[in-house]
């Protein structure tokens, strides 16, 4: 997730856990580093300021709470679709 007002980013990891987990977050230089690494790794970047604000409140290594499952599932389904993947392909 990325916001362009003041640069912020949150990185999620999914596939090794029961639910997506916050693995990185930061503002300005850290956010830019997260974005650049995601681009190097071929990770798609979504821009959703409202979801970013909610995810940014979480701690590192914290699973997303159930009330964010649907919103994150939309982002994940978009990323899977762009890569031509289906759930389970990441394992």
C-alpha atoms as a PDB file:
ATOM      1  CA  UNK A   1       0.000   0.000   0.000  1.00  0.00           C
ATOM      2  CA  UNK A   2       1.254   3.454  -0.843  1.00  0.00           C
ATOM      3  CA  UNK A   3       0.079   6.989  -0.095  1.00  0.00           C
ATOM      4  CA  UNK A   4       1.531   9.904  -2.041  1.00  0.00           C
ATOM      5  CA  UNK A   5       0.599  12.761   0.359  1.00  0.00           C
ATOM      6  CA  UNK A   6       3.520  12.166   2.660  1.00  0.00           C
ATOM      7  CA  UNK A   7       5.126   9.024   1.372  1.00  0.00           C
ATOM      8  CA  UNK A   8       4.080   6.030   3.469  1.00  0.00           C
ATOM      9  CA  UNK A   9       4.195   2.318   2.715  1.00  0.00           C
ATOM     10  CA  UNK A  10       3.178  -0.942   4.346  1.00  0.00           C
ATOM     11  CA  UNK A  11       4.341  -4.322   3.087  1.00  0.00           C
ATOM     12  CA  UNK A  12       2.323  -7.470   3.729  1.00  0.00           C
ATOM     13  CA  UNK A  13       3.437 -11.082   3.454  1.00  0.00           C
ATOM     14  CA  UNK A  14       0.947 -13.826   2.792  1.00  0.00           C
ATOM     15  CA  UNK A  15       1.356 -17.505   2.177  1.00  0.00           C
ATOM     16  CA  UNK A  16       3.434 -18.530   5.186  1.00  0.00           C
ATOM     17  CA  UNK A  17       0.845 -17.489   7.790  1.00  0.00           C
ATOM     18  CA  UNK A  18      -2.842 -17.972   8.508  1.00  0.00           C
ATOM     19  CA  UNK A  19      -3.472 -14.339   7.551  1.00  0.00           C
ATOM     20  CA  UNK A  20      -1.398 -11.595   5.896  1.00  0.00           C
ATOM     21  CA  UNK A  21       1.282 -10.172   8.194  1.00  0.00           C
ATOM     22  CA  UNK A  22       2.811  -6.685   8.278  1.00  0.00           C
ATOM     23  CA  UNK A  23       6.483  -7.235   7.416  1.00  0.00           C
ATOM     24  CA  UNK A  24       7.588  -3.642   6.804  1.00  0.00           C
ATOM     25  CA  UNK A  25       6.250  -0.131   7.162  1.00  0.00           C
ATOM     26  CA  UNK A  26       7.662   3.344   7.094  1.00  0.00           C
ATOM     27  CA  UNK A  27       7.508   6.922   5.908  1.00  0.00           C
ATOM     28  CA  UNK A  28       9.606   8.972   3.499  1.00  0.00           C
ATOM     29  CA  UNK A  29      13.014   7.256   2.949  1.00  0.00           C
ATOM     30  CA  UNK A  30      11.900   3.952   4.506  1.00  0.00           C
ATOM     31  CA  UNK A  31       8.714   4.005   2.435  1.00  0.00           C
ATOM     32  CA  UNK A  32      10.739   4.669  -0.707  1.00  0.00           C
ATOM     33  CA  UNK A  33      13.036   1.746   0.140  1.00  0.00           C
ATOM     34  CA  UNK A  34      10.023  -0.549   0.671  1.00  0.00           C
ATOM     35  CA  UNK A  35       8.553   0.514  -2.684  1.00  0.00           C
ATOM     36  CA  UNK A  36      11.857   0.081  -4.526  1.00  0.00           C
ATOM     37  CA  UNK A  37      12.395  -3.388  -3.046  1.00  0.00           C
ATOM     38  CA  UNK A  38       8.853  -4.392  -3.947  1.00  0.00           C
ATOM     39  CA  UNK A  39       9.459  -3.256  -7.528  1.00  0.00           C
ATOM     40  CA  UNK A  40      12.762  -5.195  -7.667  1.00  0.00           C
ATOM     41  CA  UNK A  41      10.958  -8.303  -6.422  1.00  0.00           C
ATOM     42  CA  UNK A  42       8.119  -7.896  -8.937  1.00  0.00           C
ATOM     43  CA  UNK A  43       5.555  -7.211  -6.232  1.00  0.00           C
ATOM     44  CA  UNK A  44       2.542  -5.219  -7.345  1.00  0.00           C
ATOM     45  CA  UNK A  45       1.908  -1.996  -5.425  1.00  0.00           C
ATOM     46  CA  UNK A  46      -1.618  -0.890  -4.592  1.00  0.00           C
ATOM     47  CA  UNK A  47      -2.518   2.667  -3.673  1.00  0.00           C
ATOM     48  CA  UNK A  48      -5.378   2.804  -1.185  1.00  0.00           C
ATOM     49  CA  UNK A  49      -4.946   5.614   1.370  1.00  0.00           C
ATOM     50  CA  UNK A  50      -7.790   4.433   3.621  1.00  0.00           C
ATOM     51  CA  UNK A  51      -6.522   0.858   3.821  1.00  0.00           C
ATOM     52  CA  UNK A  52      -2.955   2.109   4.261  1.00  0.00           C
ATOM     53  CA  UNK A  53      -4.033   4.205   7.261  1.00  0.00           C
ATOM     54  CA  UNK A  54      -5.594   1.148   8.895  1.00  0.00           C
ATOM     55  CA  UNK A  55      -2.651  -1.136   8.124  1.00  0.00           C
ATOM     56  CA  UNK A  56      -0.126   1.445   9.313  1.00  0.00           C
ATOM     57  CA  UNK A  57      -1.594   1.240  12.831  1.00  0.00           C
ATOM     58  CA  UNK A  58      -0.561  -2.426  13.076  1.00  0.00           C
ATOM     59  CA  UNK A  59       2.730  -3.568  14.568  1.00  0.00           C
ATOM     60  CA  UNK A  60       5.448  -5.317  12.585  1.00  0.00           C
ATOM     61  CA  UNK A  61       4.918  -9.107  12.456  1.00  0.00           C
ATOM     62  CA  UNK A  62       1.251  -8.634  13.376  1.00  0.00           C
ATOM     63  CA  UNK A  63      -1.393 -10.517  11.407  1.00  0.00           C
ATOM     64  CA  UNK A  64      -4.054  -8.278   9.958  1.00  0.00           C
ATOM     65  CA  UNK A  65      -7.243  -8.304  12.049  1.00  0.00           C
ATOM     66  CA  UNK A  66     -10.350 -10.038  10.755  1.00  0.00           C
ATOM     67  CA  UNK A  67     -12.148  -6.752  10.025  1.00  0.00           C
ATOM     68  CA  UNK A  68      -9.510  -6.040   7.310  1.00  0.00           C
ATOM     69  CA  UNK A  69      -9.703  -9.469   5.644  1.00  0.00           C
ATOM     70  CA  UNK A  70     -12.155  -8.409   2.930  1.00  0.00           C
ATOM     71  CA  UNK A  71     -10.249  -5.250   1.986  1.00  0.00           C
ATOM     72  CA  UNK A  72      -6.896  -7.050   1.849  1.00  0.00           C
ATOM     73  CA  UNK A  73      -8.479  -9.967  -0.044  1.00  0.00           C
ATOM     74  CA  UNK A  74      -9.488  -7.538  -2.800  1.00  0.00           C
ATOM     75  CA  UNK A  75      -5.882  -6.338  -3.102  1.00  0.00           C
ATOM     76  CA  UNK A  76      -4.535  -9.899  -3.028  1.00  0.00           C
ATOM     77  CA  UNK A  77      -7.014 -11.089  -5.658  1.00  0.00           C
ATOM     78  CA  UNK A  78      -5.944  -8.182  -7.889  1.00  0.00           C
ATOM     79  CA  UNK A  79      -2.263  -9.105  -7.448  1.00  0.00           C
ATOM     80  CA  UNK A  80      -2.954 -12.796  -8.118  1.00  0.00           C
ATOM     81  CA  UNK A  81      -4.945 -11.906 -11.236  1.00  0.00           C
ATOM     82  CA  UNK A  82      -2.167  -9.642 -12.561  1.00  0.00           C
ATOM     83  CA  UNK A  83       0.364 -12.462 -12.114  1.00  0.00           C
ATOM     84  CA  UNK A  84      -1.938 -15.115 -13.579  1.00  0.00           C
ATOM     85  CA  UNK A  85      -1.962 -16.981 -10.261  1.00  0.00           C
ATOM     86  CA  UNK A  86      -4.581 -18.590  -8.092  1.00  0.00           C
ATOM     87  CA  UNK A  87      -4.545 -19.061  -4.297  1.00  0.00           C
ATOM     88  CA  UNK A  88      -2.111 -21.819  -3.365  1.00  0.00           C
ATOM     89  CA  UNK A  89       0.326 -21.058  -6.211  1.00  0.00           C
ATOM     90  CA  UNK A  90       2.581 -19.130  -3.818  1.00  0.00           C
ATOM     91  CA  UNK A  91       3.534 -22.272  -1.870  1.00  0.00           C
END
